Each structure stands twice: as C-alpha cells, then as structure tokens.
Amino acid sequence: MAHYAMICPDEAGHLLPVGAVGRELVRRGHRVTVLGRAKSAPIVRQLDLPLHEFDVRGIRYPLAPLSWVAFGLVGASWLVVIRNLLRFYAEEILRLVPRALEELKVDGVLVDQTVPAGGTAAEHMGRPYVTVCSALMWNEEPDVPPSFTAWACAEGRRARWRNRLGYAAFDWYVGPVRRKINRWRAAWNMPPIRRIGEFDSPLAQISQLCEGLDFPRRRLPDTVHYVGSLAAQRKTDDDHQFPWERLDGRPLIFASLGTVPFPANVPVYRKIAEACAGLDAQLVLALGRWNEAGDRLRNRLGHLPGNHLVVDFAPQLALLDKASLLVTHGGVNTVLEAICRGVPMVVLPRNGDHLGMASRIEHSGAGLRASFRRCTPEELRRLIQRVLSEDGFRQRARELQKTMVAAGGASRAADIAEEALATRRPVRRTSRSEGES
C-alpha cells in the first residue's frame, strides 16, 4: 500500500479535518505521516498518526514593522499575524518538506489550501498532491464574494466589480508569500505562480462545505469536490469534568467563541450573557481551554449577568447533540459540527473567514448574523429569540444536515484522494450536485 504525507497548519481546526482523511486512508491499509512542528504533537497523537517533526531552528519569523503600524491603525493587526505566519510556513515547507518526502519515501501528499507552498514542494519532488480546504475555499469567482469578507451574495455589475476588487486586495495581501514561493520555484527551474488559484492541485481539490451551504458557484473547476464535514463525527473528548447534572431541561443555547482566549472575546461574552438573561432557555457558555494568559482574561471577565452555566471546558459535540441553538464566532469546523446535528445558529464573526462563513449561514437560511464588536445585547437577544422561535431556521439546518451527510465526508474525501494520488490523473465530478449549486 502507499505512504502518504499530510501538510497543514498546526492548529486543531486544520489538523482534525485533514487528519480525518488521513485516518480513513490508514483504515484502508495505507500509511500516513504528518509533517509538522512539535506544536502539532498533541493533536497528532489524538489522531493516532505518526509525526515527522521539523527542526525549524534557523528559520526566522518575518518582521514587518510598517505593516504592523499600517494595519494596527485600522484595528486589523491580526492580518499581519496571518500573513507573517503564511510566510513562515512557506519558508519552513520549502526548506524541509522535500528532504522529508525523500527520506520517508512518500508516494503522495495531502496539502491544506492554507499552506500554498506545500504543492510546490511536492511538485518539485515529483509527488502528486491533493488540496484539502479545511477552511473556506480561496477559489476566485466574479459572482462570489471572497471568503474573508462579510459581503452578501448579490448579482449585477456593481457586485462583480466589488468582488473583483476584493480578490485583487487578497492577491496583494498574499503577494509576499507568492513571491517567496516563486523564488524557490525559479531556483528549481519551475514556472512562476501568478494567481492564488494556481497553488491548488490540478488533480483534485476537496472542500468541507456542501451544496446549499456555499454561495452558488458557476465556474468551479470540475476537479473541485464538496464532500461535507470531515471531522464532525470524530470521537469526543472526555466529558467527565462537565457538570451534566446542572442541565435543567429547558431549551439549550450553547455559546462558544473558540478555544483561543482572545482579549476581544471578553466584552462579547458579556453581551451573550446579558442577551440570554431571562430567556426561557439555558445558556452554556464555554470560555475555552484557558492558559495563563486566559486566566488573566477570565479575571477581567468578572461576574456575568444571568444565572448561566459558564465553563472553561465544554464537550462541544455532545452539547451540540442536545442544543436548540448555537451562538458562535463562525469557525468553519464549529459551524459544520452544528449543521451535521441540525442546529441553527447566531453567528458573531470575529475576523478572517468567520466573516464569509457568517454570510453563508445567513444566505443558507440556517441562522442569522450580527457584528462581533458593534452589536448590542438587545440586538443579539432579538436574533436569538427569532432563531429559537421561528421553525424555518431549524428546518433549514436539518435540510442541510441531510445534504452534508449525503456528501460523504472523510470517506468520500479518501476515495478522491486515493484515486488522484494513485493514478496521477484528475478526478472529476460525476454529477452536478457534487460541486455546483
């Protein structure tokens, strides 16, 4: 059987879905090795996959003081963090992956779309690769807003010009990453990459979304496949620490803004608590796995209005099985986990592709969205009451649940990856429902 490698960022939101495909390939008799840093180790152990650990000594994290100042002035320093991480990942991948592929005798590679250098490293070594979109797809299409915007899907010349400007801005934003990759491609006598879409595999591209949850697309390559959530049915963490006995039988509202203790979350936790105070429902508010920095944020949080169940750790999948509503920041995996259980939601997108995910949820009819920073407790309360009381939201979430499950998940993704990597030929959609809406 074949030996495959996985290349993706070392965050759980990427490792878990791509790793689910890896686990399915292992179940079929293949070997799968994760290529990454030591930071990946806890999640890789959870996946029960081997880790080929990179030695990143000597690879410097890029500094961009002018960018920090420029983006900081508009309150978007996180954009600098993401771009610098992409540049760091690119240098790491281009230096270290070719040797790893040779040493490990890898036959093919699964590359997360957010690591665009991965395909170049595989191509340089003559290995076939498949692109896996654990986040929203970056694919450019004039009628579809970029994934990092909160824009609604709209038709007409003005909307298309707006979208084109958005894609041009994104292309400029990732320009330093593309230029770094192209310097290595030039040294390896490979043609340059000119647009972001050229980083994707010509053999197959796998997306976690499903028909009905993405905006309508008319120009996707026929090698793009919607397979639904890859990790929504994963084994849950131990939940013995969660106080299940405190659930009182009222409709359950589960709220989570992710596991990372962002300082910007603190006022939003207060808004959620105030919005749910007095409702005929029980709020379970998960603050995440708090570290020392998070402890300081918890102290800043202080007492919250309402008699809610506030915990650091929450067994998310088990709670979603019981929930009537999810309040979320719009992380792709959390949203997909809710859809796979037919749970409607209110989305408060924080940044990045949370914005695009919130727009898609509202467009799909499975929930409503509000501004992360500007919404008031009163506005949030009205949205929560609407989603709880109007049957259309839950009905639409359940319709999407059926579509998501039917898309095939990790099993279908493994079918596509197995065929593409074994034959080195494009795997094309066999029906309209696989990739077009």
Protein backbone atom coordinates (compact mmCIF):
# COMPACT_ATOMS: atom_id res chain seq x y z
CA MET A 1 0.00 0.00 0.00
CA ALA A 2 1.02 3.64 -0.38
CA HIS A 3 2.68 6.04 2.05
CA TYR A 4 1.08 9.50 2.15
CA ALA A 5 2.11 12.69 3.92
CA MET A 6 -0.08 15.44 5.39
CA ILE A 7 0.92 19.13 5.30
CA CYS A 8 -1.27 21.60 7.17
CA PRO A 9 -1.04 24.29 9.85
CA ASP A 10 -0.51 23.01 13.37
CA GLU A 11 -3.87 24.26 14.67
CA ALA A 12 -6.64 21.81 15.58
CA GLY A 13 -9.03 23.48 13.13
CA HIS A 14 -6.84 22.27 10.24
CA LEU A 15 -5.26 19.11 11.66
CA LEU A 16 -8.52 17.48 12.72
CA PRO A 17 -10.35 17.64 9.35
CA VAL A 18 -7.32 16.81 7.19
CA GLY A 19 -6.34 14.19 9.75
CA ALA A 20 -9.77 12.58 9.43
CA VAL A 21 -8.98 11.91 5.77
CA GLY A 22 -5.60 10.55 6.84
CA ARG A 23 -7.23 8.23 9.37
CA GLU A 24 -9.60 6.91 6.71
CA LEU A 25 -6.65 6.20 4.41
CA VAL A 26 -4.93 4.34 7.25
CA ARG A 27 -8.10 2.29 7.79
CA ARG A 28 -7.80 1.26 4.14
CA GLY A 29 -4.27 -0.03 4.69
CA HIS A 30 -2.13 2.96 3.71
CA ARG A 31 0.48 4.71 5.83
CA VAL A 32 0.01 8.41 6.61
CA THR A 33 2.61 10.65 8.25
CA VAL A 34 2.01 14.21 9.42
CA LEU A 35 4.80 16.65 8.56
CA GLY A 36 4.95 19.48 11.07
CA ARG A 37 6.36 21.15 14.13
CA ALA A 38 6.36 19.91 17.72
CA LYS A 39 3.32 22.09 18.40
CA SER A 40 1.30 19.63 16.30
CA ALA A 41 2.10 16.69 18.57
CA PRO A 42 -0.95 16.72 20.92
CA ILE A 43 -3.46 16.78 18.05
CA VAL A 44 -1.45 14.26 16.01
CA ARG A 45 -1.47 11.89 18.98
CA GLN A 46 -5.23 12.34 19.21
CA LEU A 47 -5.43 11.33 15.54
CA ASP A 48 -3.17 8.33 16.25
CA LEU A 49 -0.90 9.24 13.35
CA PRO A 50 2.92 9.46 13.32
CA LEU A 51 4.55 12.91 13.29
CA HIS A 52 7.70 13.71 11.35
CA GLU A 53 8.82 16.66 13.43
CA PHE A 54 10.50 19.60 11.69
CA ASP A 55 13.60 21.21 13.09
CA VAL A 56 12.78 24.86 12.45
CA ARG A 57 15.89 26.31 14.07
CA GLY A 58 17.36 28.94 11.81
CA ILE A 59 14.04 29.82 10.16
CA ARG A 60 13.20 33.31 11.30
CA TYR A 61 9.69 34.61 11.83
CA PRO A 62 9.36 37.59 9.44
CA LEU A 63 9.19 41.09 10.88
CA ALA A 64 7.13 43.76 9.15
CA PRO A 65 7.07 46.89 11.33
CA LEU A 66 5.45 49.09 8.69
CA SER A 67 2.67 46.55 8.23
CA TRP A 68 2.10 46.39 11.98
CA VAL A 69 1.68 50.15 12.08
CA ALA A 70 -0.49 50.38 8.95
CA PHE A 71 -2.88 47.54 9.84
CA GLY A 72 -2.84 48.45 13.53
CA LEU A 73 -4.18 51.92 12.74
CA VAL A 74 -7.37 50.34 11.40
CA GLY A 75 -7.60 47.73 14.15
CA ALA A 76 -6.56 44.79 11.97
CA SER A 77 -3.19 43.70 13.37
CA TRP A 78 -4.39 40.11 13.04
CA LEU A 79 -3.93 40.49 9.26
CA VAL A 80 -0.20 40.97 9.80
CA VAL A 81 -0.07 37.91 12.07
CA ILE A 82 -1.75 35.72 9.45
CA ARG A 83 0.41 36.97 6.58
CA ASN A 84 3.61 36.51 8.59
CA LEU A 85 2.54 33.00 9.55
CA LEU A 86 1.91 32.18 5.89
CA ARG A 87 5.39 33.45 5.01
CA PHE A 88 6.95 31.49 7.87
CA TYR A 89 5.09 28.32 6.85
CA ALA A 90 6.22 28.81 3.25
CA GLU A 91 9.90 29.06 4.22
CA GLU A 92 9.55 26.06 6.52
CA ILE A 93 7.80 23.91 3.93
CA LEU A 94 10.14 24.78 1.06
CA ARG A 95 13.25 24.11 3.11
CA LEU A 96 12.21 21.00 4.97
CA VAL A 97 9.48 19.12 3.10
CA PRO A 98 11.47 17.98 0.01
CA ARG A 99 14.02 16.18 2.18
CA ALA A 100 11.25 14.67 4.32
CA LEU A 101 9.40 13.35 1.28
CA GLU A 102 12.61 11.71 0.08
CA GLU A 103 13.61 10.25 3.45
CA LEU A 104 10.15 8.89 4.21
CA LYS A 105 9.66 7.56 0.67
CA VAL A 106 6.29 9.30 0.39
CA ASP A 107 4.08 8.43 -2.59
CA GLY A 108 1.64 11.36 -2.41
CA VAL A 109 0.68 14.36 -0.30
CA LEU A 110 -2.46 15.88 1.22
CA VAL A 111 -1.94 19.67 1.33
CA ASP A 112 -4.15 22.09 3.23
CA GLN A 113 -5.10 25.01 0.98
CA THR A 114 -3.83 27.49 3.59
CA VAL A 115 -0.27 26.15 3.08
CA PRO A 116 0.22 27.10 -0.59
CA ALA A 117 3.92 26.18 -0.54
CA GLY A 118 3.04 22.54 0.06
CA GLY A 119 2.06 21.89 -3.53
CA THR A 120 5.29 23.44 -4.82
CA ALA A 121 7.39 21.22 -2.53
CA ALA A 122 5.50 18.11 -3.65
CA GLU A 123 5.71 19.10 -7.32
CA HIS A 124 9.45 19.74 -7.02
CA MET A 125 9.93 16.20 -5.69
CA GLY A 126 7.70 14.66 -8.36
CA ARG A 127 4.99 13.65 -5.88
CA PRO A 128 1.29 14.03 -6.71
CA TYR A 129 -0.74 16.09 -4.27
CA VAL A 130 -4.38 16.80 -3.44
CA THR A 131 -5.61 20.10 -2.00
CA VAL A 132 -7.86 19.90 1.07
CA CYS A 133 -9.85 23.00 2.09
CA SER A 134 -10.34 22.75 5.83
CA ALA A 135 -11.30 26.45 5.80
CA LEU A 136 -13.46 28.24 3.24
CA MET A 137 -12.17 27.88 -0.30
CA TRP A 138 -9.96 30.67 -1.64
CA ASN A 139 -11.13 29.99 -5.21
CA GLU A 140 -11.81 33.18 -7.15
CA GLU A 141 -15.14 33.63 -8.91
CA PRO A 142 -16.60 37.01 -10.02
CA ASP A 143 -20.11 36.30 -8.72
CA VAL A 144 -18.91 35.01 -5.31
CA PRO A 145 -17.56 37.35 -2.61
CA PRO A 146 -14.08 36.47 -1.27
CA SER A 147 -14.15 34.20 1.75
CA PHE A 148 -12.64 36.82 4.08
CA THR A 149 -15.42 39.37 3.51
CA ALA A 150 -18.82 39.74 5.16
CA TRP A 151 -20.42 40.62 1.82
CA ALA A 152 -23.72 39.02 0.94
CA CYS A 153 -24.05 37.15 -2.34
CA ALA A 154 -25.52 39.53 -4.92
CA GLU A 155 -25.85 39.71 -8.69
CA GLY A 156 -25.15 42.60 -11.01
CA ARG A 157 -22.24 44.62 -12.33
CA ARG A 158 -21.63 46.51 -9.09
CA ALA A 159 -21.37 43.29 -7.06
CA ARG A 160 -18.99 41.74 -9.58
CA TRP A 161 -16.72 44.80 -9.50
CA ARG A 162 -16.80 44.76 -5.71
CA ASN A 163 -15.81 41.08 -5.71
CA ARG A 164 -13.02 41.64 -8.24
CA LEU A 165 -11.60 44.41 -6.07
CA GLY A 166 -11.78 42.09 -3.08
CA TYR A 167 -9.88 39.35 -4.87
CA ALA A 168 -7.30 41.89 -6.08
CA ALA A 169 -6.82 43.01 -2.47
CA PHE A 170 -6.36 39.40 -1.37
CA ASP A 171 -3.86 38.77 -4.15
CA TRP A 172 -1.91 41.83 -2.99
CA TYR A 173 -2.15 40.65 0.62
CA VAL A 174 -0.62 37.24 -0.14
CA GLY A 175 1.89 38.79 -2.56
CA PRO A 176 4.87 38.38 -0.17
CA VAL A 177 4.02 34.68 0.21
CA ARG A 178 3.70 34.17 -3.54
CA ARG A 179 6.99 35.98 -4.19
CA LYS A 180 8.80 33.81 -1.64
CA ILE A 181 7.44 30.65 -3.24
CA ASN A 182 8.34 31.89 -6.71
CA ARG A 183 11.95 32.49 -5.67
CA TRP A 184 12.21 28.83 -4.77
CA ARG A 185 10.37 27.80 -7.93
CA ALA A 186 12.86 29.81 -10.01
CA ALA A 187 15.77 28.09 -8.25
CA TRP A 188 14.14 24.73 -9.02
CA ASN A 189 13.50 25.68 -12.69
CA MET A 190 9.72 25.66 -12.19
CA PRO A 191 7.34 28.17 -13.83
CA PRO A 192 6.14 31.00 -11.57
CA ILE A 193 2.77 31.11 -9.82
CA ARG A 194 0.86 34.21 -10.96
CA ARG A 195 -2.52 33.87 -9.21
CA ILE A 196 -3.55 32.36 -5.89
CA GLY A 197 -5.64 29.65 -7.57
CA GLU A 198 -2.57 28.20 -9.27
CA PHE A 199 -1.40 26.81 -5.91
CA ASP A 200 -4.23 24.26 -5.90
CA SER A 201 -3.79 20.71 -7.11
CA PRO A 202 -4.65 20.03 -10.76
CA LEU A 203 -5.72 16.52 -9.69
CA ALA A 204 -8.38 17.19 -7.05
CA GLN A 205 -9.50 19.80 -4.54
CA ILE A 206 -11.65 18.75 -1.59
CA SER A 207 -13.91 21.16 0.30
CA GLN A 208 -15.63 20.60 3.67
CA LEU A 209 -18.71 22.52 2.58
CA CYS A 210 -21.75 21.02 0.89
CA GLU A 211 -24.26 22.14 -1.69
CA GLY A 212 -26.51 24.75 -0.16
CA LEU A 213 -24.02 25.98 2.42
CA ASP A 214 -21.67 27.73 -0.02
CA PHE A 215 -22.76 30.59 -2.26
CA PRO A 216 -23.94 29.49 -5.73
CA ARG A 217 -20.90 28.80 -7.90
CA ARG A 218 -20.83 28.50 -11.66
CA ARG A 219 -17.14 28.48 -12.54
CA LEU A 220 -15.55 25.95 -10.22
CA PRO A 221 -13.07 23.60 -11.92
CA ASP A 222 -14.57 20.15 -12.31
CA THR A 223 -11.84 18.78 -10.04
CA VAL A 224 -13.38 20.58 -7.01
CA HIS A 225 -15.49 18.31 -4.80
CA TYR A 226 -17.83 19.24 -1.96
CA VAL A 227 -17.68 16.31 0.49
CA GLY A 228 -19.17 17.83 3.66
CA SER A 229 -17.63 18.00 7.11
CA LEU A 230 -14.55 15.85 7.57
CA ALA A 231 -14.33 15.80 11.37
CA ALA A 232 -17.84 16.42 12.71
CA GLN A 233 -18.24 12.75 13.67
CA ARG A 234 -14.87 12.43 15.37
CA LYS A 235 -14.56 10.86 18.79
CA THR A 236 -15.35 13.35 21.52
CA ASP A 237 -13.01 14.35 24.32
CA ASP A 238 -13.57 13.01 27.82
CA ASP A 239 -16.51 14.90 29.29
CA HIS A 240 -16.37 13.69 32.88
CA GLN A 241 -15.48 17.20 34.08
CA PHE A 242 -18.60 18.78 32.60
CA PRO A 243 -21.44 19.25 35.12
CA TRP A 244 -24.16 17.44 33.19
CA GLU A 245 -26.35 17.35 36.30
CA ARG A 246 -26.75 21.14 36.07
CA LEU A 247 -28.65 20.99 32.77
CA ASP A 248 -32.25 21.75 33.74
CA GLY A 249 -34.24 20.53 30.72
CA ARG A 250 -35.01 23.92 29.17
CA PRO A 251 -34.01 24.55 25.53
CA LEU A 252 -30.21 24.65 25.45
CA ILE A 253 -28.26 27.56 23.98
CA PHE A 254 -24.60 26.63 23.54
CA ALA A 255 -22.21 29.55 23.05
CA SER A 256 -18.54 29.32 22.15
CA LEU A 257 -16.13 31.79 20.57
CA GLY A 258 -13.41 29.18 20.04
CA THR A 259 -10.74 27.69 22.28
CA VAL A 260 -8.19 30.53 21.98
CA PRO A 261 -8.56 33.23 24.70
CA PHE A 262 -8.69 36.35 22.51
CA PRO A 263 -8.93 39.57 24.56
CA ALA A 264 -11.61 40.80 22.15
CA ASN A 265 -13.87 37.95 23.32
CA VAL A 266 -14.37 39.38 26.82
CA PRO A 267 -16.97 42.07 26.01
CA VAL A 268 -18.76 39.67 23.66
CA TYR A 269 -19.10 37.07 26.43
CA ARG A 270 -20.82 39.77 28.47
CA LYS A 271 -23.16 40.60 25.57
CA ILE A 272 -24.11 36.95 25.13
CA ALA A 273 -24.77 36.53 28.87
CA GLU A 274 -26.88 39.69 29.03
CA ALA A 275 -28.80 38.78 25.87
CA CYS A 276 -29.75 35.36 27.27
CA ALA A 277 -30.62 36.54 30.78
CA GLY A 278 -34.31 35.95 31.48
CA LEU A 279 -34.98 33.81 28.40
CA ASP A 280 -36.88 30.56 28.83
CA ALA A 281 -33.72 28.70 27.84
CA GLN A 282 -30.45 27.66 29.48
CA LEU A 283 -27.16 29.15 28.31
CA VAL A 284 -23.98 27.08 28.45
CA LEU A 285 -21.10 29.47 27.76
CA ALA A 286 -17.74 27.83 27.01
CA LEU A 287 -14.70 30.05 27.52
CA GLY A 288 -12.17 27.63 26.03
CA ARG A 289 -9.11 25.84 27.34
CA TRP A 290 -7.57 28.69 29.25
CA ASN A 291 -3.84 29.07 29.74
CA GLU A 292 -2.04 31.61 31.92
CA ALA A 293 -2.95 34.43 29.55
CA GLY A 294 -6.50 33.18 29.55
CA ASP A 295 -6.60 33.20 33.36
CA ARG A 296 -5.94 36.92 33.26
CA LEU A 297 -8.77 37.37 30.78
CA ARG A 298 -11.08 35.33 33.00
CA ASN A 299 -10.31 37.70 35.86
CA ARG A 300 -11.19 40.62 33.59
CA LEU A 301 -14.46 38.93 32.70
CA GLY A 302 -15.71 39.10 36.28
CA HIS A 303 -19.35 38.37 37.13
CA LEU A 304 -21.70 37.84 34.19
CA PRO A 305 -25.37 38.83 34.21
CA GLY A 306 -27.84 35.97 34.45
CA ASN A 307 -27.74 32.58 36.10
CA HIS A 308 -25.85 30.79 33.32
CA LEU A 309 -23.63 27.73 33.24
CA VAL A 310 -20.16 29.13 32.45
CA VAL A 311 -17.31 26.63 31.99
CA ASP A 312 -13.75 26.63 30.70
CA PHE A 313 -14.06 23.25 29.00
CA ALA A 314 -17.14 22.03 27.17
CA PRO A 315 -17.60 18.73 25.29
CA GLN A 316 -18.75 20.55 22.18
CA LEU A 317 -20.10 17.69 20.11
CA ALA A 318 -22.07 16.21 23.00
CA LEU A 319 -23.59 19.60 23.82
CA LEU A 320 -24.49 20.25 20.18
CA ASP A 321 -26.38 16.94 20.22
CA LYS A 322 -28.64 18.50 22.88
CA ALA A 323 -28.64 22.14 21.72
CA SER A 324 -31.53 24.14 20.30
CA LEU A 325 -29.24 26.99 19.22
CA LEU A 326 -25.53 27.69 18.77
CA VAL A 327 -24.02 31.15 19.29
CA THR A 328 -20.61 31.11 17.59
CA HIS A 329 -17.83 33.24 16.14
CA GLY A 330 -18.19 31.36 12.86
CA GLY A 331 -15.23 28.99 12.90
CA VAL A 332 -15.73 26.61 9.98
CA ASN A 333 -15.44 23.37 11.94
CA THR A 334 -17.80 24.52 14.71
CA VAL A 335 -20.38 25.63 12.14
CA LEU A 336 -20.14 22.33 10.27
CA GLU A 337 -20.47 20.37 13.51
CA ALA A 338 -23.70 22.26 14.23
CA ILE A 339 -25.05 21.70 10.71
CA CYS A 340 -24.31 17.97 10.98
CA ARG A 341 -26.64 17.94 14.00
CA GLY A 342 -29.33 20.17 12.51
CA VAL A 343 -28.66 23.02 14.96
CA PRO A 344 -29.41 26.58 13.77
CA MET A 345 -27.16 29.40 14.89
CA VAL A 346 -26.48 33.05 15.52
CA VAL A 347 -23.04 33.99 14.21
CA LEU A 348 -20.84 36.80 15.55
CA PRO A 349 -17.91 36.69 13.10
CA ARG A 350 -14.63 37.87 14.62
CA ASN A 351 -12.20 38.00 11.69
CA GLY A 352 -10.80 36.11 8.71
CA ASP A 353 -13.12 33.61 7.07
CA HIS A 354 -15.51 33.82 10.03
CA LEU A 355 -16.98 36.74 8.07
CA GLY A 356 -17.56 34.67 4.95
CA MET A 357 -18.92 31.77 6.99
CA ALA A 358 -21.46 34.06 8.69
CA SER A 359 -22.63 35.34 5.29
CA ARG A 360 -23.08 31.79 4.04
CA ILE A 361 -25.06 30.75 7.12
CA GLU A 362 -27.44 33.67 6.68
CA HIS A 363 -27.68 33.04 2.91
CA SER A 364 -28.48 29.37 3.55
CA GLY A 365 -31.31 30.20 5.96
CA ALA A 366 -29.78 28.19 8.82
CA GLY A 367 -29.20 31.21 11.05
CA LEU A 368 -28.61 34.91 11.47
CA ARG A 369 -25.53 37.06 11.97
CA ALA A 370 -24.59 40.21 13.85
CA SER A 371 -21.47 42.32 14.26
CA PHE A 372 -18.92 40.86 16.68
CA ARG A 373 -17.96 44.29 18.04
CA ARG A 374 -20.90 46.57 17.34
CA CYS A 375 -23.99 44.52 18.14
CA THR A 376 -25.79 45.37 21.38
CA PRO A 377 -27.16 42.84 23.90
CA GLU A 378 -30.66 43.91 22.87
CA GLU A 379 -29.99 43.25 19.19
CA LEU A 380 -28.39 39.90 19.98
CA ARG A 381 -31.35 38.95 22.17
CA ARG A 382 -33.79 39.66 19.32
CA LEU A 383 -31.77 37.46 16.94
CA ILE A 384 -31.59 34.62 19.48
CA GLN A 385 -35.33 34.81 20.09
CA ARG A 386 -36.03 34.75 16.34
CA VAL A 387 -33.90 31.68 15.70
CA LEU A 388 -35.36 29.87 18.72
CA SER A 389 -38.99 30.68 17.89
CA GLU A 390 -39.15 30.53 14.08
CA ASP A 391 -39.26 26.95 12.79
CA GLY A 392 -37.74 27.87 9.43
CA PHE A 393 -34.21 28.13 10.80
CA ARG A 394 -34.20 24.67 12.37
CA GLN A 395 -35.93 23.19 9.33
CA ARG A 396 -33.28 24.63 7.02
CA ALA A 397 -30.49 23.41 9.31
CA ARG A 398 -31.96 19.91 9.17
CA GLU A 399 -32.20 20.04 5.38
CA LEU A 400 -28.52 21.00 5.23
CA GLN A 401 -27.76 18.21 7.70
CA LYS A 402 -29.12 15.66 5.23
CA THR A 403 -27.13 17.19 2.37
CA MET A 404 -23.97 17.30 4.48
CA VAL A 405 -24.22 13.65 5.50
CA ALA A 406 -25.04 12.57 1.94
CA ALA A 407 -21.92 14.34 0.61
CA GLY A 408 -19.76 11.56 2.04
CA GLY A 409 -17.38 13.27 4.47
CA ALA A 410 -13.98 11.73 5.15
CA SER A 411 -14.86 8.50 3.33
CA ARG A 412 -15.66 10.32 0.08
CA ALA A 413 -12.58 12.52 0.51
CA ALA A 414 -10.41 9.42 0.89
CA ASP A 415 -11.94 7.93 -2.28
CA ILE A 416 -10.99 11.07 -4.22
CA ALA A 417 -7.50 11.34 -2.71
CA GLU A 418 -6.78 7.65 -3.22
CA GLU A 419 -7.75 7.77 -6.90
CA ALA A 420 -5.93 11.03 -7.63
CA LEU A 421 -2.69 10.06 -5.88
CA ALA A 422 -2.62 6.53 -7.30
CA THR A 423 -3.41 7.40 -10.93
CA ARG A 424 -1.88 10.91 -11.02
CA ARG A 425 -4.85 11.88 -13.17
CA PRO A 426 -7.56 14.47 -12.42
CA VAL A 427 -10.59 13.21 -10.53
CA ARG A 428 -13.60 14.99 -11.96
CA ARG A 429 -17.08 15.49 -10.55
CA THR A 430 -19.52 12.88 -11.72
CA SER A 431 -22.69 14.87 -11.07
CA ARG A 432 -23.86 18.44 -10.76
CA SER A 433 -24.64 18.01 -7.04
CA GLU A 434 -21.04 17.30 -6.18
CA GLY A 435 -19.78 20.77 -6.88
CA GLU A 436 -22.38 23.16 -8.21
CA SER A 437 -25.43 24.66 -6.63
